[in-house]
PDB file of N, CA and C in Angstrom:
ATOM      1  N   MET A   1      12.844  12.327   7.127  1.00  0.00           N
ATOM      2  CA  MET A   1      11.519  12.048   6.622  1.00  0.00           C
ATOM      3  C   MET A   1      10.793  11.121   7.603  1.00  0.00           C
ATOM      4  N   PRO A   2       9.619  11.522   8.059  1.00  0.00           N
ATOM      5  CA  PRO A   2       8.860  10.668   8.969  1.00  0.00           C
ATOM      6  C   PRO A   2       8.306   9.439   8.250  1.00  0.00           C
ATOM      7  N   LYS A   3       8.420   8.283   8.907  1.00  0.00           N
ATOM      8  CA  LYS A   3       7.877   7.042   8.368  1.00  0.00           C
ATOM      9  C   LYS A   3       6.748   6.574   9.260  1.00  0.00           C
ATOM     10  N   PHE A   4       5.747   5.957   8.620  1.00  0.00           N
ATOM     11  CA  PHE A   4       4.657   5.357   9.373  1.00  0.00           C
ATOM     12  C   PHE A   4       4.121   4.166   8.584  1.00  0.00           C
ATOM     13  N   ASN A   5       3.456   3.261   9.300  1.00  0.00           N
ATOM     14  CA  ASN A   5       2.921   2.048   8.676  1.00  0.00           C
ATOM     15  C   ASN A   5       1.402   2.092   8.634  1.00  0.00           C
ATOM     16  N   VAL A   6       0.864   1.527   7.570  1.00  0.00           N
ATOM     17  CA  VAL A   6      -0.567   1.294   7.436  1.00  0.00           C
ATOM     18  C   VAL A   6      -0.715  -0.204   7.231  1.00  0.00           C
ATOM     19  N   GLU A   7      -1.474  -0.869   8.110  1.00  0.00           N
ATOM     20  CA  GLU A   7      -1.667  -2.313   8.007  1.00  0.00           C
ATOM     21  C   GLU A   7      -3.130  -2.636   7.771  1.00  0.00           C
ATOM     22  N   HIS A   8      -3.337  -3.739   7.045  1.00  0.00           N
ATOM     23  CA  HIS A   8      -4.699  -4.209   6.782  1.00  0.00           C
ATOM     24  C   HIS A   8      -4.696  -5.732   6.811  1.00  0.00           C
ATOM     25  N   GLN A   9      -5.622  -6.297   7.575  1.00  0.00           N
ATOM     26  CA  GLN A   9      -5.805  -7.749   7.613  1.00  0.00           C
ATOM     27  C   GLN A   9      -6.842  -8.101   6.552  1.00  0.00           C
ATOM     28  N   SER A  10      -6.488  -9.020   5.670  1.00  0.00           N
ATOM     29  CA  SER A  10      -7.387  -9.414   4.590  1.00  0.00           C
ATOM     30  C   SER A  10      -7.781 -10.875   4.737  1.00  0.00           C
ATOM     31  N   SER A  11      -8.995 -11.183   4.329  1.00  0.00           N
ATOM     32  CA  SER A  11      -9.442 -12.571   4.330  1.00  0.00           C
ATOM     33  C   SER A  11      -8.975 -13.293   3.071  1.00  0.00           C
ATOM     34  N   HIS A  12      -8.457 -12.538   2.093  1.00  0.00           N
ATOM     35  CA  HIS A  12      -7.943 -13.118   0.852  1.00  0.00           C
ATOM     36  C   HIS A  12      -6.578 -13.760   1.095  1.00  0.00           C
ATOM     37  N   SER A  13      -6.254 -14.736   0.280  1.00  0.00           N
ATOM     38  CA  SER A  13      -4.911 -15.315   0.347  1.00  0.00           C
ATOM     39  C   SER A  13      -3.905 -14.252  -0.079  1.00  0.00           C
ATOM     40  N   ALA A  14      -2.647 -14.456   0.259  1.00  0.00           N
ATOM     41  CA  ALA A  14      -1.616 -13.474  -0.102  1.00  0.00           C
ATOM     42  C   ALA A  14      -1.564 -13.275  -1.615  1.00  0.00           C
ATOM     43  N   LYS A  15      -1.687 -14.350  -2.370  1.00  0.00           N
ATOM     44  CA  LYS A  15      -1.629 -14.259  -3.840  1.00  0.00           C
ATOM     45  C   LYS A  15      -2.816 -13.463  -4.391  1.00  0.00           C
ATOM     46  N   ASP A  16      -4.012 -13.732  -3.891  1.00  0.00           N
ATOM     47  CA  ASP A  16      -5.199 -13.001  -4.348  1.00  0.00           C
ATOM     48  C   ASP A  16      -5.136 -11.528  -3.938  1.00  0.00           C
ATOM     49  N   ALA A  17      -4.655 -11.269  -2.722  1.00  0.00           N
ATOM     50  CA  ALA A  17      -4.525  -9.888  -2.248  1.00  0.00           C
ATOM     51  C   ALA A  17      -3.528  -9.119  -3.115  1.00  0.00           C
ATOM     52  N   TYR A  18      -2.419  -9.773  -3.471  1.00  0.00           N
ATOM     53  CA  TYR A  18      -1.412  -9.122  -4.308  1.00  0.00           C
ATOM     54  C   TYR A  18      -1.996  -8.782  -5.682  1.00  0.00           C
ATOM     55  N   SER A  19      -2.748  -9.700  -6.255  1.00  0.00           N
ATOM     56  CA  SER A  19      -3.378  -9.442  -7.557  1.00  0.00           C
ATOM     57  C   SER A  19      -4.348  -8.273  -7.483  1.00  0.00           C
ATOM     58  N   ALA A  20      -5.147  -8.226  -6.424  1.00  0.00           N
ATOM     59  CA  ALA A  20      -6.120  -7.135  -6.265  1.00  0.00           C
ATOM     60  C   ALA A  20      -5.406  -5.795  -6.079  1.00  0.00           C
ATOM     61  N   ILE A  21      -4.347  -5.785  -5.291  1.00  0.00           N
ATOM     62  CA  ILE A  21      -3.612  -4.543  -5.051  1.00  0.00           C
ATOM     63  C   ILE A  21      -2.896  -4.075  -6.311  1.00  0.00           C
ATOM     64  N   LYS A  22      -2.371  -4.996  -7.059  1.00  0.00           N
ATOM     65  CA  LYS A  22      -1.691  -4.650  -8.318  1.00  0.00           C
ATOM     66  C   LYS A  22      -2.679  -3.967  -9.269  1.00  0.00           C
ATOM     67  N   LYS A  23      -3.896  -4.501  -9.349  1.00  0.00           N
ATOM     68  CA  LYS A  23      -4.928  -3.902 -10.203  1.00  0.00           C
ATOM     69  C   LYS A  23      -5.333  -2.536  -9.656  1.00  0.00           C
ATOM     70  N   PHE A  24      -5.537  -2.446  -8.338  1.00  0.00           N
ATOM     71  CA  PHE A  24      -5.947  -1.186  -7.708  1.00  0.00           C
ATOM     72  C   PHE A  24      -4.910  -0.091  -7.926  1.00  0.00           C
ATOM     73  N   LEU A  25      -3.632  -0.407  -7.748  1.00  0.00           N
ATOM     74  CA  LEU A  25      -2.593   0.612  -7.923  1.00  0.00           C
ATOM     75  C   LEU A  25      -2.486   1.058  -9.375  1.00  0.00           C
ATOM     76  N   GLY A  26      -2.774   0.165 -10.301  1.00  0.00           N
ATOM     77  CA  GLY A  26      -2.716   0.516 -11.714  1.00  0.00           C
ATOM     78  C   GLY A  26      -3.864   1.403 -12.158  1.00  0.00           C
ATOM     79  N   ASP A  27      -5.024   1.264 -11.505  1.00  0.00           N
ATOM     80  CA  ASP A  27      -6.234   1.970 -11.937  1.00  0.00           C
ATOM     81  C   ASP A  27      -6.608   3.184 -11.102  1.00  0.00           C
ATOM     82  N   ASP A  28      -6.158   3.242  -9.854  1.00  0.00           N
ATOM     83  CA  ASP A  28      -6.643   4.241  -8.919  1.00  0.00           C
ATOM     84  C   ASP A  28      -6.028   5.627  -9.158  1.00  0.00           C
ATOM     85  N   LYS A  29      -6.858   6.644  -9.036  1.00  0.00           N
ATOM     86  CA  LYS A  29      -6.417   8.026  -9.263  1.00  0.00           C
ATOM     87  C   LYS A  29      -6.157   8.786  -7.961  1.00  0.00           C
ATOM     88  N   ASP A  30      -6.662   8.293  -6.825  1.00  0.00           N
ATOM     89  CA  ASP A  30      -6.539   9.021  -5.563  1.00  0.00           C
ATOM     90  C   ASP A  30      -5.093   9.147  -5.093  1.00  0.00           C
ATOM     91  N   LEU A  31      -4.264   8.146  -5.317  1.00  0.00           N
ATOM     92  CA  LEU A  31      -2.862   8.248  -4.910  1.00  0.00           C
ATOM     93  C   LEU A  31      -2.121   9.291  -5.739  1.00  0.00           C
ATOM     94  N   LYS A  32      -2.561   9.465  -6.971  1.00  0.00           N
ATOM     95  CA  LYS A  32      -1.935  10.473  -7.838  1.00  0.00           C
ATOM     96  C   LYS A  32      -2.219  11.887  -7.335  1.00  0.00           C
ATOM     97  N   LYS A  33      -3.268  12.053  -6.514  1.00  0.00           N
ATOM     98  CA  LYS A  33      -3.556  13.365  -5.944  1.00  0.00           C
ATOM     99  C   LYS A  33      -2.474  13.779  -4.949  1.00  0.00           C
ATOM    100  N   PHE A  34      -1.886  12.795  -4.267  1.00  0.00           N
ATOM    101  CA  PHE A  34      -0.816  13.088  -3.313  1.00  0.00           C
ATOM    102  C   PHE A  34       0.510  13.334  -4.010  1.00  0.00           C
ATOM    103  N   ASP A  35       0.741  12.619  -5.123  1.00  0.00           N
ATOM    104  CA  ASP A  35       1.997  12.774  -5.865  1.00  0.00           C
ATOM    105  C   ASP A  35       1.736  12.375  -7.316  1.00  0.00           C
ATOM    106  N   ALA A  36       1.658  13.368  -8.199  1.00  0.00           N
ATOM    107  CA  ALA A  36       1.319  13.117  -9.598  1.00  0.00           C
ATOM    108  C   ALA A  36       2.377  12.277 -10.317  1.00  0.00           C
ATOM    109  N   LYS A  37       3.597  12.257  -9.808  1.00  0.00           N
ATOM    110  CA  LYS A  37       4.690  11.536 -10.473  1.00  0.00           C
ATOM    111  C   LYS A  37       4.939  10.152  -9.877  1.00  0.00           C
ATOM    112  N   ILE A  38       3.997   9.649  -9.084  1.00  0.00           N
ATOM    113  CA  ILE A  38       4.215   8.363  -8.424  1.00  0.00           C
ATOM    114  C   ILE A  38       4.264   7.227  -9.452  1.00  0.00           C
ATOM    115  N   GLU A  39       5.231   6.350  -9.261  1.00  0.00           N
ATOM    116  CA  GLU A  39       5.392   5.181 -10.124  1.00  0.00           C
ATOM    117  C   GLU A  39       5.458   3.945  -9.244  1.00  0.00           C
ATOM    118  N   PHE A  40       5.032   2.823  -9.798  1.00  0.00           N
ATOM    119  CA  PHE A  40       4.969   1.581  -9.046  1.00  0.00           C
ATOM    120  C   PHE A  40       5.909   0.557  -9.649  1.00  0.00           C
ATOM    121  N   SER A  41       6.699  -0.059  -8.800  1.00  0.00           N
ATOM    122  CA  SER A  41       7.629  -1.100  -9.223  1.00  0.00           C
ATOM    123  C   SER A  41       7.268  -2.376  -8.467  1.00  0.00           C
ATOM    124  N   PHE A  42       6.705  -3.359  -9.186  1.00  0.00           N
ATOM    125  CA  PHE A  42       6.217  -4.581  -8.565  1.00  0.00           C
ATOM    126  C   PHE A  42       7.273  -5.675  -8.593  1.00  0.00           C
ATOM    127  N   ASP A  43       7.335  -6.444  -7.503  1.00  0.00           N
ATOM    128  CA  ASP A  43       8.197  -7.620  -7.399  1.00  0.00           C
ATOM    129  C   ASP A  43       7.277  -8.804  -7.144  1.00  0.00           C
ATOM    130  N   ASP A  44       6.911  -9.501  -8.225  1.00  0.00           N
ATOM    131  CA  ASP A  44       5.939 -10.583  -8.125  1.00  0.00           C
ATOM    132  C   ASP A  44       6.421 -11.728  -7.235  1.00  0.00           C
ATOM    133  N   SER A  45       7.703 -12.035  -7.271  1.00  0.00           N
ATOM    134  CA  SER A  45       8.207 -13.161  -6.484  1.00  0.00           C
ATOM    135  C   SER A  45       8.134 -12.882  -4.980  1.00  0.00           C
ATOM    136  N   ALA A  46       8.320 -11.634  -4.580  1.00  0.00           N
ATOM    137  CA  ALA A  46       8.266 -11.267  -3.164  1.00  0.00           C
ATOM    138  C   ALA A  46       6.893 -10.718  -2.758  1.00  0.00           C
ATOM    139  N   MET A  47       5.980 -10.591  -3.721  1.00  0.00           N
ATOM    140  CA  MET A  47       4.658  -9.986  -3.505  1.00  0.00           C
ATOM    141  C   MET A  47       4.796  -8.646  -2.783  1.00  0.00           C
ATOM    142  N   SER A  48       5.572  -7.765  -3.409  1.00  0.00           N
ATOM    143  CA  SER A  48       5.783  -6.436  -2.837  1.00  0.00           C
ATOM    144  C   SER A  48       5.748  -5.396  -3.949  1.00  0.00           C
ATOM    145  N   CYS A  49       5.669  -4.141  -3.538  1.00  0.00           N
ATOM    146  CA  CYS A  49       5.630  -3.032  -4.490  1.00  0.00           C
ATOM    147  C   CYS A  49       6.354  -1.845  -3.881  1.00  0.00           C
ATOM    148  N   LYS A  50       7.190  -1.235  -4.672  1.00  0.00           N
ATOM    149  CA  LYS A  50       7.889  -0.025  -4.272  1.00  0.00           C
ATOM    150  C   LYS A  50       7.219   1.138  -4.996  1.00  0.00           C
ATOM    151  N   MET A  51       6.761   2.124  -4.230  1.00  0.00           N
ATOM    152  CA  MET A  51       6.097   3.296  -4.797  1.00  0.00           C
ATOM    153  C   MET A  51       7.029   4.487  -4.636  1.00  0.00           C
ATOM    154  N   THR A  52       7.355   5.105  -5.758  1.00  0.00           N
ATOM    155  CA  THR A  52       8.287   6.221  -5.727  1.00  0.00           C
ATOM    156  C   THR A  52       7.717   7.389  -6.517  1.00  0.00           C
ATOM    157  N   GLY A  53       7.736   8.552  -5.883  1.00  0.00           N
ATOM    158  CA  GLY A  53       7.287   9.769  -6.536  1.00  0.00           C
ATOM    159  C   GLY A  53       8.210  10.907  -6.165  1.00  0.00           C
ATOM    160  N   SER A  54       7.848  12.110  -6.560  1.00  0.00           N
ATOM    161  CA  SER A  54       8.685  13.260  -6.238  1.00  0.00           C
ATOM    162  C   SER A  54       8.587  13.616  -4.752  1.00  0.00           C
ATOM    163  N   GLN A  55       7.463  13.299  -4.114  1.00  0.00           N
ATOM    164  CA  GLN A  55       7.262  13.601  -2.700  1.00  0.00           C
ATOM    165  C   GLN A  55       7.052  12.344  -1.859  1.00  0.00           C
ATOM    166  N   LEU A  56       6.205  11.467  -2.338  1.00  0.00           N
ATOM    167  CA  LEU A  56       5.772  10.297  -1.585  1.00  0.00           C
ATOM    168  C   LEU A  56       6.602   9.071  -1.951  1.00  0.00           C
ATOM    169  N   LYS A  57       7.061   8.350  -0.931  1.00  0.00           N
ATOM    170  CA  LYS A  57       7.751   7.086  -1.142  1.00  0.00           C
ATOM    171  C   LYS A  57       7.115   6.070  -0.209  1.00  0.00           C
ATOM    172  N   ALA A  58       6.906   4.861  -0.704  1.00  0.00           N
ATOM    173  CA  ALA A  58       6.274   3.838   0.126  1.00  0.00           C
ATOM    174  C   ALA A  58       6.712   2.461  -0.346  1.00  0.00           C
ATOM    175  N   HIS A  59       6.587   1.502   0.553  1.00  0.00           N
ATOM    176  CA  HIS A  59       6.905   0.109   0.238  1.00  0.00           C
ATOM    177  C   HIS A  59       5.767  -0.749   0.765  1.00  0.00           C
ATOM    178  N   LEU A  60       5.169  -1.544  -0.109  1.00  0.00           N
ATOM    179  CA  LEU A  60       4.052  -2.393   0.240  1.00  0.00           C
ATOM    180  C   LEU A  60       4.504  -3.846   0.262  1.00  0.00           C
ATOM    181  N   THR A  61       4.132  -4.581   1.287  1.00  0.00           N
ATOM    182  CA  THR A  61       4.425  -6.008   1.364  1.00  0.00           C
ATOM    183  C   THR A  61       3.159  -6.752   1.759  1.00  0.00           C
ATOM    184  N   ILE A  62       3.065  -7.976   1.295  1.00  0.00           N
ATOM    185  CA  ILE A  62       1.938  -8.839   1.633  1.00  0.00           C
ATOM    186  C   ILE A  62       2.513 -10.119   2.209  1.00  0.00           C
ATOM    187  N   ALA A  63       2.004 -10.502   3.364  1.00  0.00           N
ATOM    188  CA  ALA A  63       2.508 -11.705   4.026  1.00  0.00           C
ATOM    189  C   ALA A  63       1.359 -12.636   4.365  1.00  0.00           C
ATOM    190  N   ALA A  64       1.603 -13.924   4.156  1.00  0.00           N
ATOM    191  CA  ALA A  64       0.655 -14.946   4.580  1.00  0.00           C
ATOM    192  C   ALA A  64       0.877 -15.193   6.063  1.00  0.00           C
ATOM    193  N   PRO A  65      -0.120 -15.683   6.773  1.00  0.00           N
ATOM    194  CA  PRO A  65       0.063 -15.960   8.204  1.00  0.00           C
ATOM    195  C   PRO A  65       1.156 -17.009   8.422  1.00  0.00           C
ATOM    196  N   SER A  66       1.947 -16.804   9.436  1.00  0.00           N
ATOM    197  CA  SER A  66       3.058 -17.712   9.704  1.00  0.00           C
ATOM    198  C   SER A  66       2.581 -19.087  10.179  1.00  0.00           C
ATOM    199  N   ASN A  67       1.364 -19.146  10.698  1.00  0.00           N
ATOM    200  CA  ASN A  67       0.840 -20.418  11.179  1.00  0.00           C
ATOM    201  C   ASN A  67       0.159 -21.230  10.081  1.00  0.00           C
ATOM    202  N   GLY A  68       0.217 -20.748   8.839  1.00  0.00           N
ATOM    203  CA  GLY A  68      -0.377 -21.461   7.714  1.00  0.00           C
ATOM    204  C   GLY A  68      -1.879 -21.272   7.593  1.00  0.00           C
ATOM    205  N   GLY A  69      -2.448 -20.355   8.349  1.00  0.00           N
ATOM    206  CA  GLY A  69      -3.884 -20.091   8.303  1.00  0.00           C
ATOM    207  C   GLY A  69      -4.283 -19.349   7.036  1.00  0.00           C
ATOM    208  N   GLN A  70      -5.545 -18.979   7.004  1.00  0.00           N
ATOM    209  CA  GLN A  70      -6.065 -18.263   5.845  1.00  0.00           C
ATOM    210  C   GLN A  70      -5.860 -16.768   6.004  1.00  0.00           C
ATOM    211  N   GLY A  71      -5.992 -16.067   4.889  1.00  0.00           N
ATOM    212  CA  GLY A  71      -5.893 -14.617   4.901  1.00  0.00           C
ATOM    213  C   GLY A  71      -4.471 -14.132   4.659  1.00  0.00           C
ATOM    214  N   SER A  72      -4.280 -12.840   4.834  1.00  0.00           N
ATOM    215  CA  SER A  72      -2.972 -12.225   4.620  1.00  0.00           C
ATOM    216  C   SER A  72      -2.934 -10.879   5.330  1.00  0.00           C
ATOM    217  N   THR A  73      -1.729 -10.359   5.481  1.00  0.00           N
ATOM    218  CA  THR A  73      -1.523  -9.047   6.083  1.00  0.00           C
ATOM    219  C   THR A  73      -0.835  -8.160   5.060  1.00  0.00           C
ATOM    220  N   VAL A  74      -1.431  -7.011   4.799  1.00  0.00           N
ATOM    221  CA  VAL A  74      -0.856  -6.035   3.888  1.00  0.00           C
ATOM    222  C   VAL A  74      -0.266  -4.914   4.735  1.00  0.00           C
ATOM    223  N   THR A  75       1.010  -4.620   4.522  1.00  0.00           N
ATOM    224  CA  THR A  75       1.680  -3.554   5.254  1.00  0.00           C
ATOM    225  C   THR A  75       2.257  -2.562   4.257  1.00  0.00           C
ATOM    226  N   ILE A  76       1.935  -1.295   4.456  1.00  0.00           N
ATOM    227  CA  ILE A  76       2.487  -0.234   3.623  1.00  0.00           C
ATOM    228  C   ILE A  76       3.287   0.684   4.536  1.00  0.00           C
ATOM    229  N   THR A  77       4.579   0.802   4.264  1.00  0.00           N
ATOM    230  CA  THR A  77       5.445   1.714   5.003  1.00  0.00           C
ATOM    231  C   THR A  77       5.588   2.966   4.157  1.00  0.00           C
ATOM    232  N   VAL A  78       5.086   4.082   4.657  1.00  0.00           N
ATOM    233  CA  VAL A  78       5.070   5.348   3.923  1.00  0.00           C
ATOM    234  C   VAL A  78       6.151   6.259   4.491  1.00  0.00           C
ATOM    235  N   ASP A  79       6.889   6.884   3.591  1.00  0.00           N
ATOM    236  CA  ASP A  79       7.952   7.818   3.963  1.00  0.00           C
ATOM    237  C   ASP A  79       7.575   9.182   3.388  1.00  0.00           C
ATOM    238  N   LEU A  80       7.162  10.099   4.263  1.00  0.00           N
ATOM    239  CA  LEU A  80       6.738  11.443   3.835  1.00  0.00           C
ATOM    240  C   LEU A  80       7.806  12.476   4.160  1.00  0.00           C
ATOM    241  N   PRO A  81       7.994  13.462   3.285  1.00  0.00           N
ATOM    242  CA  PRO A  81       8.887  14.567   3.630  1.00  0.00           C
ATOM    243  C   PRO A  81       8.243  15.424   4.727  1.00  0.00           C
ATOM    244  N   LEU A  82       9.065  16.162   5.439  1.00  0.00           N
ATOM    245  CA  LEU A  82       8.558  16.984   6.544  1.00  0.00           C
ATOM    246  C   LEU A  82       7.448  17.944   6.121  1.00  0.00           C
ATOM    247  N   LEU A  83       7.542  18.481   4.915  1.00  0.00           N
ATOM    248  CA  LEU A  83       6.529  19.432   4.459  1.00  0.00           C
ATOM    249  C   LEU A  83       5.151  18.792   4.316  1.00  0.00           C
ATOM    250  N   LEU A  84       5.102  17.480   4.062  1.00  0.00           N
ATOM    251  CA  LEU A  84       3.818  16.806   3.889  1.00  0.00           C
ATOM    252  C   LEU A  84       3.320  16.128   5.163  1.00  0.00           C
ATOM    253  N   THR A  85       4.035  16.269   6.256  1.00  0.00           N
ATOM    254  CA  THR A  85       3.640  15.645   7.516  1.00  0.00           C
ATOM    255  C   THR A  85       2.212  16.010   7.934  1.00  0.00           C
ATOM    256  N   PRO A  86       1.746  17.247   7.701  1.00  0.00           N
ATOM    257  CA  PRO A  86       0.350  17.559   8.057  1.00  0.00           C
ATOM    258  C   PRO A  86      -0.683  16.708   7.300  1.00  0.00           C
ATOM    259  N   PHE A  87      -0.289  16.102   6.186  1.00  0.00           N
ATOM    260  CA  PHE A  87      -1.198  15.285   5.389  1.00  0.00           C
ATOM    261  C   PHE A  87      -1.134  13.807   5.755  1.00  0.00           C
ATOM    262  N   LYS A  88      -0.380  13.467   6.793  1.00  0.00           N
ATOM    263  CA  LYS A  88      -0.225  12.070   7.210  1.00  0.00           C
ATOM    264  C   LYS A  88      -1.586  11.417   7.455  1.00  0.00           C
ATOM    265  N   GLY A  89      -2.473  12.105   8.143  1.00  0.00           N
ATOM    266  CA  GLY A  89      -3.796  11.567   8.438  1.00  0.00           C
ATOM    267  C   GLY A  89      -4.598  11.282   7.187  1.00  0.00           C
ATOM    268  N   LYS A  90      -4.545  12.189   6.231  1.00  0.00           N
ATOM    269  CA  LYS A  90      -5.289  12.020   4.979  1.00  0.00           C
ATOM    270  C   LYS A  90      -4.710  10.866   4.157  1.00  0.00           C
ATOM    271  N   VAL A  91      -3.382  10.755   4.121  1.00  0.00           N
ATOM    272  CA  VAL A  91      -2.734   9.661   3.400  1.00  0.00           C
ATOM    273  C   VAL A  91      -3.125   8.326   4.039  1.00  0.00           C
ATOM    274  N   THR A  92      -3.063   8.257   5.358  1.00  0.00           N
ATOM    275  CA  THR A  92      -3.427   7.042   6.083  1.00  0.00           C
ATOM    276  C   THR A  92      -4.881   6.669   5.827  1.00  0.00           C
ATOM    277  N   GLU A  93      -5.766   7.641   5.925  1.00  0.00           N
ATOM    278  CA  GLU A  93      -7.192   7.409   5.710  1.00  0.00           C
ATOM    279  C   GLU A  93      -7.463   6.897   4.293  1.00  0.00           C
ATOM    280  N   THR A  94      -6.841   7.513   3.299  1.00  0.00           N
ATOM    281  CA  THR A  94      -7.043   7.110   1.916  1.00  0.00           C
ATOM    282  C   THR A  94      -6.558   5.682   1.689  1.00  0.00           C
ATOM    283  N   LEU A  95      -5.372   5.352   2.195  1.00  0.00           N
ATOM    284  CA  LEU A  95      -4.840   4.004   2.017  1.00  0.00           C
ATOM    285  C   LEU A  95      -5.729   2.970   2.712  1.00  0.00           C
ATOM    286  N   GLN A  96      -6.190   3.270   3.919  1.00  0.00           N
ATOM    287  CA  GLN A  96      -7.050   2.328   4.640  1.00  0.00           C
ATOM    288  C   GLN A  96      -8.374   2.109   3.913  1.00  0.00           C
ATOM    289  N   LYS A  97      -8.972   3.169   3.391  1.00  0.00           N
ATOM    290  CA  LYS A  97     -10.227   3.047   2.639  1.00  0.00           C
ATOM    291  C   LYS A  97     -10.036   2.191   1.392  1.00  0.00           C
ATOM    292  N   LYS A  98      -8.951   2.447   0.668  1.00  0.00           N
ATOM    293  CA  LYS A  98      -8.707   1.711  -0.572  1.00  0.00           C
ATOM    294  C   LYS A  98      -8.428   0.238  -0.298  1.00  0.00           C
ATOM    295  N   LEU A  99      -7.641  -0.051   0.725  1.00  0.00           N
ATOM    296  CA  LEU A  99      -7.356  -1.439   1.065  1.00  0.00           C
ATOM    297  C   LEU A  99      -8.648  -2.157   1.477  1.00  0.00           C
ATOM    298  N   ALA A 100      -9.477  -1.500   2.266  1.00  0.00           N
ATOM    299  CA  ALA A 100     -10.741  -2.106   2.689  1.00  0.00           C
ATOM    300  C   ALA A 100     -11.659  -2.340   1.489  1.00  0.00           C
ATOM    301  N   LYS A 101     -11.662  -1.412   0.560  1.00  0.00           N
ATOM    302  CA  LYS A 101     -12.531  -1.532  -0.624  1.00  0.00           C
ATOM    303  C   LYS A 101     -12.079  -2.675  -1.524  1.00  0.00           C
ATOM    304  N   TYR A 102     -10.806  -2.752  -1.824  1.00  0.00           N
ATOM    305  CA  TYR A 102     -10.312  -3.735  -2.776  1.00  0.00           C
ATOM    306  C   TYR A 102     -10.042  -5.109  -2.170  1.00  0.00           C
ATOM    307  N   LEU A 103      -9.934  -5.171  -0.853  1.00  0.00           N
ATOM    308  CA  LEU A 103      -9.657  -6.462  -0.199  1.00  0.00           C
ATOM    309  C   LEU A 103     -10.794  -6.887   0.712  1.00  0.00           C
ATOM    310  N   ALA A 104     -12.008  -6.402   0.438  1.00  0.00           N
ATOM    311  CA  ALA A 104     -13.162  -6.750   1.276  1.00  0.00           C
ATOM    312  C   ALA A 104     -13.554  -8.206   1.104  1.00  0.00           C
TER     313      ALA A 104
END
């Protein structure tokens, strides 16, 4: 299964970014278009989320800057089956749009 990363730099703190992403994943319908059976497993202490579906698997992490500065980095590692590899661009585009929208 090919893996790829989608990263987004946010001006929000890691805690605020995690809250926004948790709300977005709970409400958003666009990810369900890629995999109707996708489920989200949140780990509040690690500020991460494991996304598991019949086709799409991903792991989201949020990290604060190591230098103690402001903002945060959101990284989503997506694992697609070979059959869905042609949709890699669309998956990447959708995730980037959603992250930009909810973490603007």
